[in-house]
């Protein structure tokens, strides 16, 4: 089984926010991104409070949907 990746023209970006530090924007270059602690995720957040796969971000019809995976760490 091959993992199919759909890249498209850069249009959106995530801007991580933290009171103590400024982070660079993260471009959204795929229609579906996995967010979590796992190295297999597209956006890795290496904190214990973050689940292995914590959320999924999808770009559909010009809208961004963020799905919480309701997982526990």
PDB file of N, CA and C in Angstrom:
ATOM      1  N   UNK A   1       0.837  -1.172   0.000  1.00  0.00           N
ATOM      2  CA  UNK A   1       0.000   0.000   0.000  1.00  0.00           C
ATOM      3  C   UNK A   1       0.888   1.243   0.000  1.00  0.00           C
ATOM      4  N   UNK A   2       0.701   2.115  -0.932  1.00  0.00           N
ATOM      5  CA  UNK A   2       1.512   3.321  -0.994  1.00  0.00           C
ATOM      6  C   UNK A   2       0.758   4.487  -0.400  1.00  0.00           C
ATOM      7  N   UNK A   3       1.523   5.394   0.192  1.00  0.00           N
ATOM      8  CA  UNK A   3       0.925   6.586   0.784  1.00  0.00           C
ATOM      9  C   UNK A   3       0.866   7.657  -0.308  1.00  0.00           C
ATOM     10  N   UNK A   4      -0.338   8.067  -0.647  1.00  0.00           N
ATOM     11  CA  UNK A   4      -0.527   9.055  -1.700  1.00  0.00           C
ATOM     12  C   UNK A   4      -0.564  10.448  -1.080  1.00  0.00           C
ATOM     13  N   UNK A   5       0.260  11.345  -1.592  1.00  0.00           N
ATOM     14  CA  UNK A   5       0.330  12.703  -1.079  1.00  0.00           C
ATOM     15  C   UNK A   5      -0.088  13.675  -2.172  1.00  0.00           C
ATOM     16  N   UNK A   6      -0.982  14.572  -1.814  1.00  0.00           N
ATOM     17  CA  UNK A   6      -1.447  15.579  -2.753  1.00  0.00           C
ATOM     18  C   UNK A   6      -0.921  16.942  -2.319  1.00  0.00           C
ATOM     19  N   UNK A   7       0.038  17.478  -3.056  1.00  0.00           N
ATOM     20  CA  UNK A   7       0.558  18.805  -2.771  1.00  0.00           C
ATOM     21  C   UNK A   7      -0.160  19.809  -3.661  1.00  0.00           C
ATOM     22  N   UNK A   8      -0.315  20.995  -3.164  1.00  0.00           N
ATOM     23  CA  UNK A   8      -0.958  22.021  -3.962  1.00  0.00           C
ATOM     24  C   UNK A   8      -0.305  23.358  -3.676  1.00  0.00           C
ATOM     25  N   UNK A   9      -0.678  24.359  -4.423  1.00  0.00           N
ATOM     26  CA  UNK A   9      -0.077  25.668  -4.299  1.00  0.00           C
ATOM     27  C   UNK A   9      -0.289  26.219  -2.890  1.00  0.00           C
ATOM     28  N   UNK A  10       0.772  26.733  -2.313  1.00  0.00           N
ATOM     29  CA  UNK A  10       0.740  27.283  -0.968  1.00  0.00           C
ATOM     30  C   UNK A  10      -0.272  28.422  -0.881  1.00  0.00           C
ATOM     31  N   UNK A  11      -1.216  28.304   0.041  1.00  0.00           N
ATOM     32  CA  UNK A  11      -2.233  29.331   0.213  1.00  0.00           C
ATOM     33  C   UNK A  11      -2.466  29.648   1.685  1.00  0.00           C
ATOM     34  N   UNK A  12      -2.286  28.659   2.552  1.00  0.00           N
ATOM     35  CA  UNK A  12      -2.571  28.816   3.971  1.00  0.00           C
ATOM     36  C   UNK A  12      -1.325  28.539   4.795  1.00  0.00           C
ATOM     37  N   UNK A  13      -1.357  29.022   6.034  1.00  0.00           N
ATOM     38  CA  UNK A  13      -0.282  28.723   6.964  1.00  0.00           C
ATOM     39  C   UNK A  13      -0.817  28.726   8.391  1.00  0.00           C
ATOM     40  N   UNK A  14      -0.146  27.960   9.244  1.00  0.00           N
ATOM     41  CA  UNK A  14      -0.462  27.961  10.670  1.00  0.00           C
ATOM     42  C   UNK A  14       0.528  28.884  11.356  1.00  0.00           C
ATOM     43  N   UNK A  15       0.055  29.630  12.325  1.00  0.00           N
ATOM     44  CA  UNK A  15       0.922  30.513  13.089  1.00  0.00           C
ATOM     45  C   UNK A  15       0.874  30.090  14.554  1.00  0.00           C
ATOM     46  N   UNK A  16       1.846  29.256  14.963  1.00  0.00           N
ATOM     47  CA  UNK A  16       1.882  28.824  16.363  1.00  0.00           C
ATOM     48  C   UNK A  16       2.036  30.028  17.297  1.00  0.00           C
ATOM     49  N   UNK A  17       1.321  29.996  18.414  1.00  0.00           N
ATOM     50  CA  UNK A  17       1.341  31.097  19.370  1.00  0.00           C
ATOM     51  C   UNK A  17       1.771  30.574  20.735  1.00  0.00           C
ATOM     52  N   UNK A  18       2.665  31.312  21.362  1.00  0.00           N
ATOM     53  CA  UNK A  18       3.129  30.994  22.702  1.00  0.00           C
ATOM     54  C   UNK A  18       3.552  32.310  23.337  1.00  0.00           C
ATOM     55  N   UNK A  19       3.217  32.506  24.580  1.00  0.00           N
ATOM     56  CA  UNK A  19       3.565  33.765  25.254  1.00  0.00           C
ATOM     57  C   UNK A  19       5.064  33.961  25.401  1.00  0.00           C
ATOM     58  N   UNK A  20       5.794  32.873  25.445  1.00  0.00           N
ATOM     59  CA  UNK A  20       7.224  32.938  25.745  1.00  0.00           C
ATOM     60  C   UNK A  20       8.129  32.890  24.516  1.00  0.00           C
ATOM     61  N   UNK A  21       7.591  32.530  23.378  1.00  0.00           N
ATOM     62  CA  UNK A  21       8.452  32.311  22.209  1.00  0.00           C
ATOM     63  C   UNK A  21       7.698  32.619  20.927  1.00  0.00           C
ATOM     64  N   UNK A  22       8.426  33.113  19.938  1.00  0.00           N
ATOM     65  CA  UNK A  22       7.847  33.363  18.618  1.00  0.00           C
ATOM     66  C   UNK A  22       8.261  32.211  17.708  1.00  0.00           C
ATOM     67  N   UNK A  23       7.276  31.604  17.046  1.00  0.00           N
ATOM     68  CA  UNK A  23       7.535  30.484  16.137  1.00  0.00           C
ATOM     69  C   UNK A  23       7.340  30.942  14.696  1.00  0.00           C
ATOM     70  N   UNK A  24       8.029  30.297  13.796  1.00  0.00           N
ATOM     71  CA  UNK A  24       7.843  30.570  12.374  1.00  0.00           C
ATOM     72  C   UNK A  24       6.514  29.985  11.906  1.00  0.00           C
ATOM     73  N   UNK A  25       5.867  30.645  10.945  1.00  0.00           N
ATOM     74  CA  UNK A  25       4.632  30.076  10.375  1.00  0.00           C
ATOM     75  C   UNK A  25       4.915  28.729   9.712  1.00  0.00           C
ATOM     76  N   UNK A  26       3.929  27.846   9.776  1.00  0.00           N
ATOM     77  CA  UNK A  26       4.043  26.517   9.154  1.00  0.00           C
ATOM     78  C   UNK A  26       3.138  26.508   7.928  1.00  0.00           C
ATOM     79  N   UNK A  27       3.721  26.420   6.715  1.00  0.00           N
ATOM     80  CA  UNK A  27       2.878  26.405   5.515  1.00  0.00           C
ATOM     81  C   UNK A  27       2.059  25.120   5.424  1.00  0.00           C
ATOM     82  N   UNK A  28       0.831  25.251   4.981  1.00  0.00           N
ATOM     83  CA  UNK A  28      -0.034  24.092   4.740  1.00  0.00           C
ATOM     84  C   UNK A  28       0.083  23.779   3.257  1.00  0.00           C
ATOM     85  N   UNK A  29       0.816  22.718   2.934  1.00  0.00           N
ATOM     86  CA  UNK A  29       1.096  22.376   1.535  1.00  0.00           C
ATOM     87  C   UNK A  29       0.380  21.109   1.082  1.00  0.00           C
ATOM     88  N   UNK A  30      -0.349  20.482   1.992  1.00  0.00           N
ATOM     89  CA  UNK A  30      -1.095  19.271   1.655  1.00  0.00           C
ATOM     90  C   UNK A  30      -2.548  19.486   2.040  1.00  0.00           C
ATOM     91  N   UNK A  31      -3.423  18.709   1.458  1.00  0.00           N
ATOM     92  CA  UNK A  31      -4.843  18.837   1.768  1.00  0.00           C
ATOM     93  C   UNK A  31      -5.215  18.175   3.086  1.00  0.00           C
ATOM     94  N   UNK A  32      -4.331  17.335   3.602  1.00  0.00           N
ATOM     95  CA  UNK A  32      -4.600  16.646   4.864  1.00  0.00           C
ATOM     96  C   UNK A  32      -3.294  16.538   5.649  1.00  0.00           C
ATOM     97  N   UNK A  33      -3.304  17.049   6.874  1.00  0.00           N
ATOM     98  CA  UNK A  33      -2.122  17.007   7.733  1.00  0.00           C
ATOM     99  C   UNK A  33      -2.456  16.320   9.044  1.00  0.00           C
ATOM    100  N   UNK A  34      -1.542  15.476   9.496  1.00  0.00           N
ATOM    101  CA  UNK A  34      -1.662  14.878  10.824  1.00  0.00           C
ATOM    102  C   UNK A  34      -0.842  15.727  11.786  1.00  0.00           C
ATOM    103  N   UNK A  35      -1.412  15.989  12.957  1.00  0.00           N
ATOM    104  CA  UNK A  35      -0.741  16.787  13.980  1.00  0.00           C
ATOM    105  C   UNK A  35      -0.656  15.947  15.237  1.00  0.00           C
ATOM    106  N   UNK A  36       0.539  15.834  15.793  1.00  0.00           N
ATOM    107  CA  UNK A  36       0.687  15.047  17.017  1.00  0.00           C
ATOM    108  C   UNK A  36       2.132  14.878  17.427  1.00  0.00           C
ATOM    109  N   UNK A  37       2.350  14.016  18.386  1.00  0.00           N
ATOM    110  CA  UNK A  37       3.674  13.763  18.945  1.00  0.00           C
ATOM    111  C   UNK A  37       4.499  12.791  18.098  1.00  0.00           C
ATOM    112  N   UNK A  38       3.863  11.972  17.298  1.00  0.00           N
ATOM    113  CA  UNK A  38       4.566  10.959  16.505  1.00  0.00           C
ATOM    114  C   UNK A  38       5.432  11.592  15.423  1.00  0.00           C
ATOM    115  N   UNK A  39       6.582  10.991  15.204  1.00  0.00           N
ATOM    116  CA  UNK A  39       7.474  11.442  14.125  1.00  0.00           C
ATOM    117  C   UNK A  39       6.835  11.225  12.756  1.00  0.00           C
ATOM    118  N   UNK A  40       5.790  10.402  12.671  1.00  0.00           N
ATOM    119  CA  UNK A  40       5.094  10.154  11.410  1.00  0.00           C
ATOM    120  C   UNK A  40       4.091  11.252  11.065  1.00  0.00           C
ATOM    121  N   UNK A  41       3.854  12.167  11.996  1.00  0.00           N
ATOM    122  CA  UNK A  41       2.911  13.263  11.747  1.00  0.00           C
ATOM    123  C   UNK A  41       3.556  14.319  10.863  1.00  0.00           C
ATOM    124  N   UNK A  42       2.721  15.064  10.155  1.00  0.00           N
ATOM    125  CA  UNK A  42       3.210  16.154   9.315  1.00  0.00           C
ATOM    126  C   UNK A  42       3.685  17.333  10.163  1.00  0.00           C
ATOM    127  N   UNK A  43       2.983  17.581  11.264  1.00  0.00           N
ATOM    128  CA  UNK A  43       3.385  18.611  12.217  1.00  0.00           C
ATOM    129  C   UNK A  43       3.590  17.910  13.550  1.00  0.00           C
ATOM    130  N   UNK A  44       4.843  17.887  14.008  1.00  0.00           N
ATOM    131  CA  UNK A  44       5.202  17.184  15.237  1.00  0.00           C
ATOM    132  C   UNK A  44       5.262  18.191  16.383  1.00  0.00           C
ATOM    133  N   UNK A  45       4.530  17.869  17.453  1.00  0.00           N
ATOM    134  CA  UNK A  45       4.531  18.684  18.669  1.00  0.00           C
ATOM    135  C   UNK A  45       5.060  17.775  19.782  1.00  0.00           C
ATOM    136  N   UNK A  46       6.334  17.924  20.134  1.00  0.00           N
ATOM    137  CA  UNK A  46       6.986  16.958  21.029  1.00  0.00           C
ATOM    138  C   UNK A  46       6.748  17.208  22.520  1.00  0.00           C
ATOM    139  N   UNK A  47       5.488  17.236  22.923  1.00  0.00           N
ATOM    140  CA  UNK A  47       5.163  17.426  24.329  1.00  0.00           C
ATOM    141  C   UNK A  47       4.329  16.247  24.822  1.00  0.00           C
ATOM    142  N   UNK A  48       4.508  15.877  26.070  1.00  0.00           N
ATOM    143  CA  UNK A  48       3.803  14.723  26.640  1.00  0.00           C
ATOM    144  C   UNK A  48       2.290  14.893  26.635  1.00  0.00           C
ATOM    145  N   UNK A  49       1.826  16.140  26.732  1.00  0.00           N
ATOM    146  CA  UNK A  49       0.378  16.397  26.764  1.00  0.00           C
ATOM    147  C   UNK A  49      -0.282  16.223  25.404  1.00  0.00           C
ATOM    148  N   UNK A  50       0.516  16.077  24.358  1.00  0.00           N
ATOM    149  CA  UNK A  50       0.009  15.916  22.992  1.00  0.00           C
ATOM    150  C   UNK A  50      -0.024  14.431  22.661  1.00  0.00           C
ATOM    151  N   UNK A  51      -1.129  13.966  22.121  1.00  0.00           N
ATOM    152  CA  UNK A  51      -1.274  12.550  21.758  1.00  0.00           C
ATOM    153  C   UNK A  51      -0.426  12.204  20.540  1.00  0.00           C
ATOM    154  N   UNK A  52      -0.228  10.918  20.328  1.00  0.00           N
ATOM    155  CA  UNK A  52       0.549  10.447  19.184  1.00  0.00           C
ATOM    156  C   UNK A  52       0.001  11.041  17.896  1.00  0.00           C
ATOM    157  N   UNK A  53      -1.285  10.916  17.662  1.00  0.00           N
ATOM    158  CA  UNK A  53      -1.983  11.638  16.586  1.00  0.00           C
ATOM    159  C   UNK A  53      -3.096  12.409  17.285  1.00  0.00           C
ATOM    160  N   UNK A  54      -2.878  13.687  17.470  1.00  0.00           N
ATOM    161  CA  UNK A  54      -3.766  14.511  18.289  1.00  0.00           C
ATOM    162  C   UNK A  54      -4.906  15.125  17.478  1.00  0.00           C
ATOM    163  N   UNK A  55      -4.597  15.510  16.231  1.00  0.00           N
ATOM    164  CA  UNK A  55      -5.601  16.179  15.403  1.00  0.00           C
ATOM    165  C   UNK A  55      -5.304  15.953  13.927  1.00  0.00           C
ATOM    166  N   UNK A  56      -6.332  16.185  13.118  1.00  0.00           N
ATOM    167  CA  UNK A  56      -6.196  16.133  11.659  1.00  0.00           C
ATOM    168  C   UNK A  56      -6.695  17.466  11.108  1.00  0.00           C
ATOM    169  N   UNK A  57      -5.917  18.057  10.240  1.00  0.00           N
ATOM    170  CA  UNK A  57      -6.298  19.299   9.581  1.00  0.00           C
ATOM    171  C   UNK A  57      -6.540  18.992   8.114  1.00  0.00           C
ATOM    172  N   UNK A  58      -7.692  19.395   7.592  1.00  0.00           N
ATOM    173  CA  UNK A  58      -8.025  19.157   6.183  1.00  0.00           C
ATOM    174  C   UNK A  58      -8.444  20.458   5.520  1.00  0.00           C
ATOM    175  N   UNK A  59      -7.988  20.634   4.291  1.00  0.00           N
ATOM    176  CA  UNK A  59      -8.412  21.765   3.471  1.00  0.00           C
ATOM    177  C   UNK A  59      -9.406  21.212   2.456  1.00  0.00           C
ATOM    178  N   UNK A  60     -10.656  21.696   2.536  1.00  0.00           N
ATOM    179  CA  UNK A  60     -11.719  21.208   1.662  1.00  0.00           C
ATOM    180  C   UNK A  60     -12.500  22.406   1.136  1.00  0.00           C
ATOM    181  N   UNK A  61     -12.523  22.549  -0.179  1.00  0.00           N
ATOM    182  CA  UNK A  61     -13.308  23.614  -0.785  1.00  0.00           C
ATOM    183  C   UNK A  61     -12.962  25.003  -0.293  1.00  0.00           C
ATOM    184  N   UNK A  62     -11.688  25.270  -0.051  1.00  0.00           N
ATOM    185  CA  UNK A  62     -11.266  26.586   0.400  1.00  0.00           C
ATOM    186  C   UNK A  62     -11.468  26.834   1.885  1.00  0.00           C
ATOM    187  N   UNK A  63     -11.905  25.818   2.619  1.00  0.00           N
ATOM    188  CA  UNK A  63     -12.093  25.936   4.065  1.00  0.00           C
ATOM    189  C   UNK A  63     -11.136  24.997   4.777  1.00  0.00           C
ATOM    190  N   UNK A  64     -10.756  25.371   5.980  1.00  0.00           N
ATOM    191  CA  UNK A  64      -9.880  24.528   6.785  1.00  0.00           C
ATOM    192  C   UNK A  64     -10.700  23.917   7.910  1.00  0.00           C
ATOM    193  N   UNK A  65     -10.671  22.594   7.992  1.00  0.00           N
ATOM    194  CA  UNK A  65     -11.357  21.861   9.057  1.00  0.00           C
ATOM    195  C   UNK A  65     -10.305  21.245   9.963  1.00  0.00           C
ATOM    196  N   UNK A  66     -10.491  21.389  11.266  1.00  0.00           N
ATOM    197  CA  UNK A  66      -9.588  20.796  12.244  1.00  0.00           C
ATOM    198  C   UNK A  66     -10.386  19.817  13.085  1.00  0.00           C
ATOM    199  N   UNK A  67      -9.951  18.562  13.096  1.00  0.00           N
ATOM    200  CA  UNK A  67     -10.644  17.503  13.815  1.00  0.00           C
ATOM    201  C   UNK A  67      -9.791  17.044  14.992  1.00  0.00           C
ATOM    202  N   UNK A  68     -10.329  17.140  16.188  1.00  0.00           N
ATOM    203  CA  UNK A  68      -9.688  16.617  17.393  1.00  0.00           C
ATOM    204  C   UNK A  68      -9.921  15.108  17.389  1.00  0.00           C
ATOM    205  N   UNK A  69      -8.885  14.336  17.544  1.00  0.00           N
ATOM    206  CA  UNK A  69      -9.019  12.882  17.475  1.00  0.00           C
ATOM    207  C   UNK A  69      -9.469  12.264  18.800  1.00  0.00           C
ATOM    208  N   UNK A  70      -9.765  13.098  19.785  1.00  0.00           N
ATOM    209  CA  UNK A  70     -10.264  12.624  21.080  1.00  0.00           C
ATOM    210  C   UNK A  70      -9.414  11.503  21.675  1.00  0.00           C
ATOM    211  N   UNK A  71      -8.122  11.597  21.440  1.00  0.00           N
ATOM    212  CA  UNK A  71      -7.234  10.563  21.961  1.00  0.00           C
ATOM    213  C   UNK A  71      -6.622  11.025  23.275  1.00  0.00           C
ATOM    214  N   UNK A  72      -6.112  10.077  24.006  1.00  0.00           N
ATOM    215  CA  UNK A  72      -5.401  10.417  25.233  1.00  0.00           C
ATOM    216  C   UNK A  72      -3.917  10.193  24.988  1.00  0.00           C
ATOM    217  N   UNK A  73      -3.104  10.873  25.734  1.00  0.00           N
ATOM    218  CA  UNK A  73      -1.668  10.794  25.521  1.00  0.00           C
ATOM    219  C   UNK A  73      -1.214   9.396  25.794  1.00  0.00           C
TER     220      UNK A  73
END
